Amino acid sequence: MGTLFVEYTQEIQSNEQKGSLSPEKLRAVLDVSTLSTEKQDEYKAIVSELSTISTSLKNISDNPELYIQKGSLNRNESEGGYALRVSTPPSQTSPFANITAIITNPTGWDKDTPEWNLILGLLTRLLITNIVFLLFVTSLYYLWIRHIFAPINLIMSRLRSYIDSSKFQTIRYLRDDEFSPLVMTINSLYKSLRVQENIRSNFLSDISHEIRTPITAVRCYLEAIEDGMMTLDTKTIPLLQTELTRLTSITEQIMEYESLTHHVSDDIGVEKFDIRSQIEELIYEYRPQFDKIKQQVQIYGNIDVSVRMDRNMFVQILHNIFSNSIKYAGNNTTLECRYSREKDTIRIEFSDNGVGIPTEEISLVREKFYRVDKSRTRDANMSMGIGLSIIDHIVRIHDGSLDISNNIPHGLSIAITIPR
């Protein structure tokens, strides 16, 4: 831009020099030898007139009050001089005034003037600057958009890969921005899906084995009876009944869980009942099994504490807890049942001093069909891995919470909290 103003100033100065009177031009004007006689006489009259004007100007400078008057510059015939009219001198026009005039009225100016060339150059350079700036901003915006959407493209790629091939790779995301929680959630979801897939695969493998075992046993007994190797009497009939009962137990557990998962809070029959009496009733029912493994059951809590729940579902919770304690706690252990009334809730806690559950598996035990180490079970019957999942579902439809943790120093603790 500065170059344009320099060029404009130089062009103005050049034009002024062209219009100024140089010494050569002055000598040419004053040289009258080449003029005709008539022109020389006219020239002498003009010189005489200029001399008179010079004398008048000298008189004015010496005595201005005698010569200055309003009006035109007239010849004072009596004194052989001139009178000077006072007027406001014309304002000096700035060179940039022409530029302003061109901007306000571009069609009325000569296209060859310095002002026009200056404005045209300014507009041309301004247009080029704007185009370059626009390209720079567009490129910068494109790179910024790509940087912003890079995590989204990565996430979509991983999810599309999982949908197409059921293979998902953990998203490694090192930035700490708005997408970090989303990536962590997706990775957690994938981990949960992977666990569910392992549970499903293990469950199908286990249940096929458990169902095939009693069916194979029954078939062997029937073939032996048919071949005459065994007789259908009071000894063989209980064997057949045992295997059929085992098969029935497996199907009933699955049907029981599926039936329970269709319950919602509006379908349950809530009633108020005493906690202690209900626990004592179930302990009496399980007493032979507790005595068999020499397991003690102790109750701690006030007598007059009641809870508002579906009674049948509460009994189902006790069945699952007592049966799990018998299966997993071990011989010569103690199961403690504690209940208390708190500010807005009723808390019921069951804890034993058995082998407990590995810490890394506590968060998984409430998953449907998840089974901890099979070697821990003492029951010959099939453990479906749905006991704690059933308890969790019952507690949730009563708007409560379930907390599962290892009992210090060893054992397992199950705490149920139900609104009063």
Protein backbone atom coordinates (compact mmCIF):
# COMPACT_ATOMS: atom_id res chain seq x y z
CA MET A 1 0.00 0.00 0.00
CA GLY A 2 2.84 2.40 0.86
CA THR A 3 4.29 1.98 -2.64
CA LEU A 4 1.03 3.17 -4.19
CA PHE A 5 1.05 6.37 -2.14
CA VAL A 6 4.70 7.02 -3.07
CA GLU A 7 3.91 6.55 -6.76
CA TYR A 8 0.86 8.77 -6.42
CA THR A 9 2.91 11.56 -4.75
CA GLN A 10 5.64 11.33 -7.36
CA GLU A 11 3.08 11.56 -10.16
CA ILE A 12 1.49 14.66 -8.56
CA GLN A 13 4.89 16.32 -8.21
CA SER A 14 5.74 15.47 -11.81
CA ASN A 15 2.52 17.09 -13.04
CA GLU A 16 3.19 20.18 -10.96
CA GLN A 17 6.68 20.46 -12.41
CA LYS A 18 5.25 20.18 -15.90
CA GLY A 19 2.86 23.06 -15.20
CA SER A 20 5.46 25.34 -13.44
CA LEU A 21 7.42 28.12 -15.19
CA SER A 22 11.06 27.20 -15.64
CA PRO A 23 13.85 29.84 -16.20
CA GLU A 24 14.08 28.85 -19.84
CA LYS A 25 10.36 29.39 -20.31
CA LEU A 26 10.61 32.74 -18.49
CA ARG A 27 13.44 33.97 -20.75
CA ALA A 28 11.45 32.86 -23.78
CA VAL A 29 8.44 34.84 -22.59
CA LEU A 30 10.46 38.01 -21.84
CA ASP A 31 12.28 37.93 -25.19
CA VAL A 32 10.29 40.42 -27.37
CA SER A 33 12.79 40.78 -30.16
CA THR A 34 10.99 38.23 -32.22
CA LEU A 35 7.60 39.96 -31.89
CA SER A 36 6.04 42.33 -34.39
CA THR A 37 5.92 46.08 -33.81
CA GLU A 38 2.26 45.92 -32.86
CA LYS A 39 2.89 43.13 -30.35
CA GLN A 40 5.88 44.99 -28.94
CA ASP A 41 3.71 48.09 -28.32
CA GLU A 42 1.10 45.89 -26.63
CA TYR A 43 3.82 44.28 -24.57
CA LYS A 44 5.14 47.69 -23.47
CA ALA A 45 1.62 48.71 -22.42
CA ILE A 46 1.30 45.56 -20.33
CA VAL A 47 4.68 46.17 -18.72
CA SER A 48 3.62 49.76 -17.94
CA GLU A 49 0.41 48.44 -16.47
CA LEU A 50 2.34 45.95 -14.33
CA SER A 51 4.61 48.79 -13.18
CA THR A 52 1.57 50.80 -12.16
CA ILE A 53 0.19 47.79 -10.27
CA SER A 54 3.54 47.34 -8.56
CA THR A 55 3.54 51.02 -7.50
CA SER A 56 -0.02 50.65 -6.20
CA LEU A 57 0.88 47.55 -4.23
CA LYS A 58 3.82 49.45 -2.69
CA ASN A 59 1.51 52.32 -1.73
CA ILE A 60 -0.97 49.83 -0.25
CA SER A 61 1.72 48.22 1.82
CA ASP A 62 2.81 51.63 3.11
CA ASN A 63 -0.71 53.05 3.75
CA PRO A 64 -3.23 50.15 3.63
CA GLU A 65 -5.99 52.13 5.39
CA LEU A 66 -6.18 54.56 2.46
CA TYR A 67 -6.66 51.96 -0.25
CA ILE A 68 -8.60 48.95 1.14
CA GLN A 69 -12.36 49.16 0.47
CA LYS A 70 -15.23 46.86 -0.18
CA GLY A 71 -15.89 45.89 -3.75
CA SER A 72 -13.99 44.94 -6.81
CA LEU A 73 -10.41 45.72 -7.60
CA ASN A 74 -11.04 49.00 -9.55
CA ARG A 75 -8.79 51.58 -11.15
CA ASN A 76 -8.45 54.75 -9.15
CA GLU A 77 -8.36 57.27 -11.92
CA SER A 78 -7.67 60.28 -9.68
CA GLU A 79 -4.58 58.78 -8.16
CA GLY A 80 -3.52 56.64 -11.08
CA GLY A 81 -3.73 53.46 -9.01
CA TYR A 82 -6.06 50.69 -7.91
CA ALA A 83 -8.39 50.10 -4.93
CA LEU A 84 -8.26 46.63 -3.34
CA ARG A 85 -11.44 44.69 -2.49
CA VAL A 86 -11.27 42.65 0.71
CA SER A 87 -12.47 39.08 0.17
CA THR A 88 -11.88 35.65 1.61
CA PRO A 89 -9.07 33.86 -0.20
CA PRO A 90 -10.07 30.68 -1.95
CA SER A 91 -9.41 27.55 0.06
CA GLN A 92 -6.51 25.40 -0.94
CA THR A 93 -7.64 22.09 -2.34
CA SER A 94 -5.95 19.06 -0.83
CA PRO A 95 -4.71 16.45 -3.30
CA PHE A 96 -6.68 13.85 -1.41
CA ALA A 97 -9.91 15.74 -2.01
CA ASN A 98 -9.84 14.41 -5.56
CA ILE A 99 -9.60 10.88 -4.21
CA THR A 100 -12.70 11.47 -2.08
CA ALA A 101 -14.54 12.86 -5.06
CA ILE A 102 -13.66 9.80 -7.17
CA ILE A 103 -14.94 7.46 -4.45
CA THR A 104 -18.23 9.37 -4.14
CA ASN A 105 -18.69 9.79 -7.90
CA PRO A 106 -16.52 7.25 -9.78
CA THR A 107 -18.24 7.71 -13.17
CA GLY A 108 -17.53 11.42 -13.45
CA TRP A 109 -13.75 11.33 -13.45
CA ASP A 110 -11.05 10.87 -16.00
CA LYS A 111 -9.58 7.37 -15.89
CA ASP A 112 -6.05 8.67 -16.55
CA THR A 113 -5.69 10.84 -13.45
CA PRO A 114 -3.25 9.91 -10.64
CA GLU A 115 -6.14 9.69 -8.20
CA TRP A 116 -7.93 7.15 -10.34
CA ASN A 117 -4.77 5.06 -10.72
CA LEU A 118 -4.23 5.18 -6.96
CA ILE A 119 -7.75 3.98 -6.15
CA LEU A 120 -7.61 1.27 -8.82
CA GLY A 121 -4.30 0.02 -7.43
CA LEU A 122 -5.66 0.06 -3.89
CA LEU A 123 -8.75 -1.90 -4.88
CA THR A 124 -6.70 -4.43 -6.85
CA ARG A 125 -4.31 -5.07 -3.99
CA LEU A 126 -7.17 -5.19 -1.50
CA LEU A 127 -8.93 -7.80 -3.63
CA ILE A 128 -5.78 -9.92 -3.86
CA THR A 129 -5.22 -9.60 -0.11
CA ASN A 130 -8.79 -10.68 0.62
CA ILE A 131 -8.52 -13.68 -1.68
CA VAL A 132 -5.25 -14.79 -0.06
CA PHE A 133 -6.73 -14.26 3.42
CA LEU A 134 -9.86 -16.21 2.48
CA LEU A 135 -7.78 -19.13 1.19
CA PHE A 136 -5.69 -19.09 4.37
CA VAL A 137 -8.75 -19.03 6.64
CA THR A 138 -10.43 -21.79 4.62
CA SER A 139 -7.33 -24.00 4.83
CA LEU A 140 -6.99 -23.34 8.54
CA TYR A 141 -10.68 -24.11 9.10
CA TYR A 142 -10.38 -27.35 7.10
CA LEU A 143 -7.39 -28.51 9.16
CA TRP A 144 -9.21 -27.57 12.39
CA ILE A 145 -12.32 -29.49 11.34
CA ARG A 146 -10.23 -32.56 10.51
CA HIS A 147 -8.52 -32.31 13.88
CA ILE A 148 -11.86 -32.01 15.68
CA PHE A 149 -13.53 -34.90 13.84
CA ALA A 150 -10.54 -37.26 13.97
CA PRO A 151 -11.77 -38.93 17.21
CA ILE A 152 -15.26 -39.36 15.73
CA ASN A 153 -13.83 -41.02 12.64
CA LEU A 154 -11.73 -43.31 14.85
CA ILE A 155 -14.75 -44.27 16.96
CA MET A 156 -16.92 -44.88 13.89
CA SER A 157 -14.19 -47.02 12.35
CA ARG A 158 -13.95 -49.21 15.47
CA LEU A 159 -17.72 -49.57 15.76
CA ARG A 160 -18.10 -50.35 12.06
CA SER A 161 -15.41 -53.01 12.39
CA TYR A 162 -17.24 -54.51 15.36
CA ILE A 163 -20.57 -54.53 13.49
CA ASP A 164 -19.07 -56.13 10.38
CA SER A 165 -16.85 -58.75 12.00
CA SER A 166 -17.76 -58.81 15.72
CA LYS A 167 -14.14 -57.90 16.39
CA PHE A 168 -13.52 -54.77 18.38
CA GLN A 169 -10.20 -53.18 19.20
CA THR A 170 -9.84 -51.05 22.30
CA ILE A 171 -9.67 -47.39 21.34
CA ARG A 172 -6.40 -45.82 22.45
CA TYR A 173 -7.11 -42.15 23.00
CA LEU A 174 -4.44 -40.04 24.69
CA ARG A 175 -6.10 -36.64 24.54
CA ASP A 176 -7.83 -35.11 27.53
CA ASP A 177 -10.78 -33.37 25.90
CA GLU A 178 -14.54 -33.67 25.45
CA PHE A 179 -14.22 -37.02 23.64
CA SER A 180 -12.31 -38.74 26.47
CA PRO A 181 -15.47 -39.71 28.46
CA LEU A 182 -17.09 -41.01 25.27
CA VAL A 183 -14.08 -43.18 24.39
CA MET A 184 -13.89 -44.49 27.97
CA THR A 185 -17.60 -45.34 27.87
CA ILE A 186 -17.26 -47.19 24.56
CA ASN A 187 -14.25 -49.13 25.85
CA SER A 188 -16.19 -50.04 29.01
CA LEU A 189 -19.14 -51.09 26.87
CA TYR A 190 -16.89 -53.29 24.78
CA LYS A 191 -15.42 -54.84 27.91
CA SER A 192 -18.92 -55.56 29.20
CA LEU A 193 -19.96 -57.05 25.86
CA ARG A 194 -16.86 -59.23 25.84
CA VAL A 195 -17.64 -60.45 29.36
CA GLN A 196 -21.24 -61.14 28.37
CA GLU A 197 -20.07 -63.06 25.34
CA ASN A 198 -17.74 -65.18 27.49
CA ILE A 199 -20.54 -65.78 29.99
CA ARG A 200 -22.92 -66.81 27.23
CA SER A 201 -20.35 -69.10 25.65
CA ASN A 202 -19.47 -70.72 28.98
CA PHE A 203 -23.13 -71.05 29.93
CA LEU A 204 -24.04 -72.79 26.68
CA SER A 205 -21.11 -75.14 27.12
CA ASP A 206 -22.00 -75.88 30.75
CA ILE A 207 -25.72 -76.28 30.26
CA SER A 208 -25.25 -78.59 27.29
CA HIS A 209 -22.99 -80.73 29.47
CA GLU A 210 -25.33 -80.63 32.47
CA ILE A 211 -28.38 -81.51 30.40
CA ARG A 212 -26.59 -84.22 28.48
CA THR A 213 -25.31 -85.87 31.69
CA PRO A 214 -28.71 -86.82 33.23
CA ILE A 215 -30.14 -87.70 29.83
CA THR A 216 -27.18 -90.01 29.16
CA ALA A 217 -27.56 -91.59 32.60
CA VAL A 218 -31.28 -92.22 32.10
CA ARG A 219 -30.63 -93.70 28.67
CA CYS A 220 -27.94 -96.02 30.09
CA TYR A 221 -30.29 -97.20 32.85
CA LEU A 222 -33.07 -97.86 30.36
CA GLU A 223 -30.73 -99.73 28.00
CA ALA A 224 -29.45 -101.86 30.91
CA ILE A 225 -33.02 -102.69 31.96
CA GLU A 226 -33.91 -103.47 28.36
CA ASP A 227 -30.89 -105.78 28.00
CA GLY A 228 -31.73 -107.55 31.26
CA MET A 229 -28.60 -106.32 32.99
CA MET A 230 -30.72 -104.37 35.49
CA THR A 231 -34.22 -104.83 36.78
CA LEU A 232 -36.79 -102.10 37.34
CA ASP A 233 -37.14 -102.29 41.11
CA THR A 234 -36.94 -100.11 44.20
CA LYS A 235 -33.21 -99.58 43.67
CA THR A 236 -33.20 -98.49 40.02
CA ILE A 237 -36.33 -96.32 40.15
CA PRO A 238 -34.75 -93.78 42.61
CA LEU A 239 -31.69 -93.55 40.34
CA LEU A 240 -33.89 -92.62 37.41
CA GLN A 241 -35.84 -90.15 39.55
CA THR A 242 -32.61 -88.47 40.71
CA GLU A 243 -31.42 -87.83 37.17
CA LEU A 244 -34.84 -86.62 36.05
CA THR A 245 -35.04 -84.31 39.08
CA ARG A 246 -31.65 -82.86 38.18
CA LEU A 247 -32.81 -82.20 34.62
CA THR A 248 -36.05 -80.65 35.88
CA SER A 249 -34.12 -78.40 38.27
CA ILE A 250 -32.07 -76.96 35.43
CA THR A 251 -35.12 -76.06 33.33
CA GLU A 252 -37.00 -74.67 36.34
CA GLN A 253 -34.14 -72.33 37.25
CA ILE A 254 -34.06 -70.91 33.74
CA MET A 255 -37.83 -70.50 33.59
CA GLU A 256 -37.88 -68.93 37.05
CA TYR A 257 -35.32 -66.33 36.07
CA GLU A 258 -37.03 -65.48 32.77
CA SER A 259 -40.36 -65.13 34.57
CA LEU A 260 -38.82 -62.84 37.18
CA THR A 261 -37.15 -60.55 34.65
CA HIS A 262 -40.57 -59.71 33.18
CA HIS A 263 -41.77 -58.32 36.50
CA VAL A 264 -41.94 -54.55 36.84
CA SER A 265 -42.55 -52.45 39.91
CA ASP A 266 -46.25 -52.07 39.07
CA ASP A 267 -46.79 -55.86 39.02
CA ILE A 268 -45.46 -56.68 42.49
CA GLY A 269 -47.66 -57.03 45.56
CA VAL A 270 -46.02 -54.89 48.24
CA GLU A 271 -46.95 -55.60 51.86
CA LYS A 272 -45.49 -54.83 55.25
CA PHE A 273 -44.14 -57.78 57.25
CA ASP A 274 -41.68 -58.51 60.05
CA ILE A 275 -38.15 -59.23 58.86
CA ARG A 276 -37.02 -61.42 61.76
CA SER A 277 -39.95 -63.82 61.66
CA GLN A 278 -39.55 -64.33 57.90
CA ILE A 279 -35.81 -65.04 58.22
CA GLU A 280 -36.40 -67.47 61.11
CA GLU A 281 -39.00 -69.33 59.05
CA LEU A 282 -36.53 -69.89 56.19
CA ILE A 283 -33.73 -70.84 58.61
CA TYR A 284 -35.99 -73.56 60.04
CA GLU A 285 -36.59 -74.86 56.50
CA TYR A 286 -32.85 -74.98 55.73
CA ARG A 287 -31.83 -76.27 59.18
CA PRO A 288 -31.10 -79.88 58.03
CA GLN A 289 -28.74 -78.64 55.31
CA PHE A 290 -27.01 -76.18 57.67
CA ASP A 291 -26.52 -78.93 60.24
CA LYS A 292 -25.14 -81.26 57.60
CA ILE A 293 -22.15 -78.96 56.93
CA LYS A 294 -22.06 -77.68 60.53
CA GLN A 295 -22.84 -74.12 59.54
CA GLN A 296 -24.18 -71.71 62.18
CA VAL A 297 -26.80 -69.04 61.38
CA GLN A 298 -27.13 -66.01 63.66
CA ILE A 299 -29.64 -63.14 63.54
CA TYR A 300 -28.93 -59.61 64.82
CA GLY A 301 -31.57 -56.87 64.92
CA ASN A 302 -34.57 -55.47 66.76
CA ILE A 303 -37.73 -57.52 66.87
CA ASP A 304 -40.10 -54.79 65.67
CA VAL A 305 -38.42 -53.93 62.34
CA SER A 306 -40.67 -54.37 59.30
CA VAL A 307 -40.08 -53.93 55.59
CA ARG A 308 -42.42 -53.12 52.69
CA MET A 309 -41.75 -55.62 49.91
CA ASP A 310 -43.31 -58.39 47.92
CA ARG A 311 -43.18 -61.23 50.48
CA ASN A 312 -42.66 -63.98 47.90
CA MET A 313 -39.74 -62.10 46.35
CA PHE A 314 -38.16 -61.54 49.76
CA VAL A 315 -38.45 -65.28 50.41
CA GLN A 316 -36.80 -65.88 47.04
CA ILE A 317 -33.90 -63.64 48.10
CA LEU A 318 -33.46 -65.70 51.27
CA HIS A 319 -33.57 -68.95 49.30
CA ASN A 320 -30.77 -67.78 47.01
CA ILE A 321 -28.60 -66.46 49.85
CA PHE A 322 -28.99 -69.56 52.02
CA SER A 323 -28.43 -71.97 49.12
CA ASN A 324 -25.31 -70.05 48.00
CA SER A 325 -23.97 -70.09 51.56
CA ILE A 326 -24.46 -73.85 51.74
CA LYS A 327 -22.78 -74.36 48.34
CA TYR A 328 -19.81 -72.04 48.70
CA ALA A 329 -19.13 -71.03 52.33
CA GLY A 330 -17.80 -74.41 53.42
CA ASN A 331 -17.94 -76.51 56.60
CA ASN A 332 -17.81 -75.06 60.10
CA THR A 333 -18.65 -71.53 58.97
CA THR A 334 -21.07 -68.92 60.29
CA LEU A 335 -23.72 -66.97 58.39
CA GLU A 336 -24.77 -63.72 60.09
CA CYS A 337 -28.03 -61.94 59.26
CA ARG A 338 -28.18 -58.30 60.37
CA TYR A 339 -31.00 -55.84 59.80
CA SER A 340 -31.61 -52.29 60.99
CA ARG A 341 -33.91 -49.34 60.50
CA GLU A 342 -32.13 -46.28 59.15
CA LYS A 343 -33.38 -42.78 58.33
CA ASP A 344 -35.18 -43.50 55.07
CA THR A 345 -34.28 -47.14 54.41
CA ILE A 346 -34.19 -50.65 55.81
CA ARG A 347 -30.77 -52.32 55.60
CA ILE A 348 -30.44 -56.11 55.59
CA GLU A 349 -26.95 -57.61 55.49
CA PHE A 350 -25.86 -61.23 55.14
CA SER A 351 -22.19 -62.08 55.74
CA ASP A 352 -20.23 -65.29 56.20
CA ASN A 353 -16.65 -66.23 56.99
CA GLY A 354 -16.22 -68.61 54.07
CA VAL A 355 -13.83 -68.46 51.14
CA GLY A 356 -15.34 -65.33 49.60
CA ILE A 357 -15.04 -64.28 45.96
CA PRO A 358 -11.92 -63.07 44.11
CA THR A 359 -11.86 -59.28 44.13
CA GLU A 360 -11.62 -59.02 40.36
CA GLU A 361 -14.84 -61.03 39.97
CA ILE A 362 -17.06 -59.19 42.47
CA SER A 363 -18.29 -56.75 39.82
CA LEU A 364 -19.32 -59.67 37.59
CA VAL A 365 -21.15 -62.00 39.98
CA ARG A 366 -24.50 -60.24 39.49
CA GLU A 367 -24.33 -60.79 35.73
CA LYS A 368 -26.78 -63.34 34.41
CA PHE A 369 -25.32 -66.87 34.16
CA TYR A 370 -21.92 -65.78 35.47
CA ARG A 371 -20.28 -68.53 37.50
CA VAL A 372 -17.22 -68.17 39.70
CA ASP A 373 -14.71 -71.03 39.85
CA LYS A 374 -16.72 -74.23 39.49
CA SER A 375 -14.45 -76.04 41.94
CA ARG A 376 -15.91 -73.90 44.76
CA THR A 377 -19.35 -75.50 44.60
CA ARG A 378 -20.22 -78.27 47.03
CA ASP A 379 -23.52 -79.09 45.35
CA ALA A 380 -23.71 -81.84 42.80
CA ASN A 381 -26.61 -80.08 41.13
CA MET A 382 -26.04 -77.60 38.39
CA SER A 383 -25.20 -74.06 39.54
CA MET A 384 -26.75 -71.79 36.93
CA GLY A 385 -25.04 -68.60 38.07
CA ILE A 386 -28.30 -66.66 38.35
CA GLY A 387 -28.77 -66.47 42.14
CA LEU A 388 -27.20 -63.06 42.71
CA SER A 389 -28.62 -61.81 39.42
CA ILE A 390 -32.12 -62.67 40.69
CA ILE A 391 -31.44 -60.88 43.99
CA ASP A 392 -30.18 -57.80 42.14
CA HIS A 393 -33.28 -57.72 39.92
CA ILE A 394 -35.68 -58.08 42.86
CA VAL A 395 -33.95 -55.29 44.79
CA ARG A 396 -33.99 -52.96 41.79
CA ILE A 397 -37.73 -53.35 41.10
CA HIS A 398 -38.26 -52.36 44.76
CA ASP A 399 -36.18 -49.19 44.12
CA GLY A 400 -33.43 -50.49 46.39
CA SER A 401 -29.73 -51.17 46.02
CA LEU A 402 -27.49 -54.22 46.33
CA ASP A 403 -23.90 -54.07 47.54
CA ILE A 404 -21.62 -57.12 47.25
CA SER A 405 -18.18 -57.10 48.85
CA ASN A 406 -15.66 -59.40 50.49
CA ASN A 407 -16.04 -59.70 54.25
CA ILE A 408 -12.87 -58.74 56.12
CA PRO A 409 -10.72 -60.73 56.80
CA HIS A 410 -12.42 -63.39 54.66
CA GLY A 411 -15.86 -64.37 53.47
CA LEU A 412 -18.62 -62.60 51.53
CA SER A 413 -20.98 -59.77 52.47
CA ILE A 414 -24.30 -59.02 50.72
CA ALA A 415 -26.06 -55.80 51.80
CA ILE A 416 -29.61 -54.97 50.67
CA THR A 417 -31.10 -51.50 51.10
CA ILE A 418 -34.87 -51.02 50.63
CA PRO A 419 -36.77 -47.72 50.97
CA ARG A 420 -39.00 -47.60 54.06
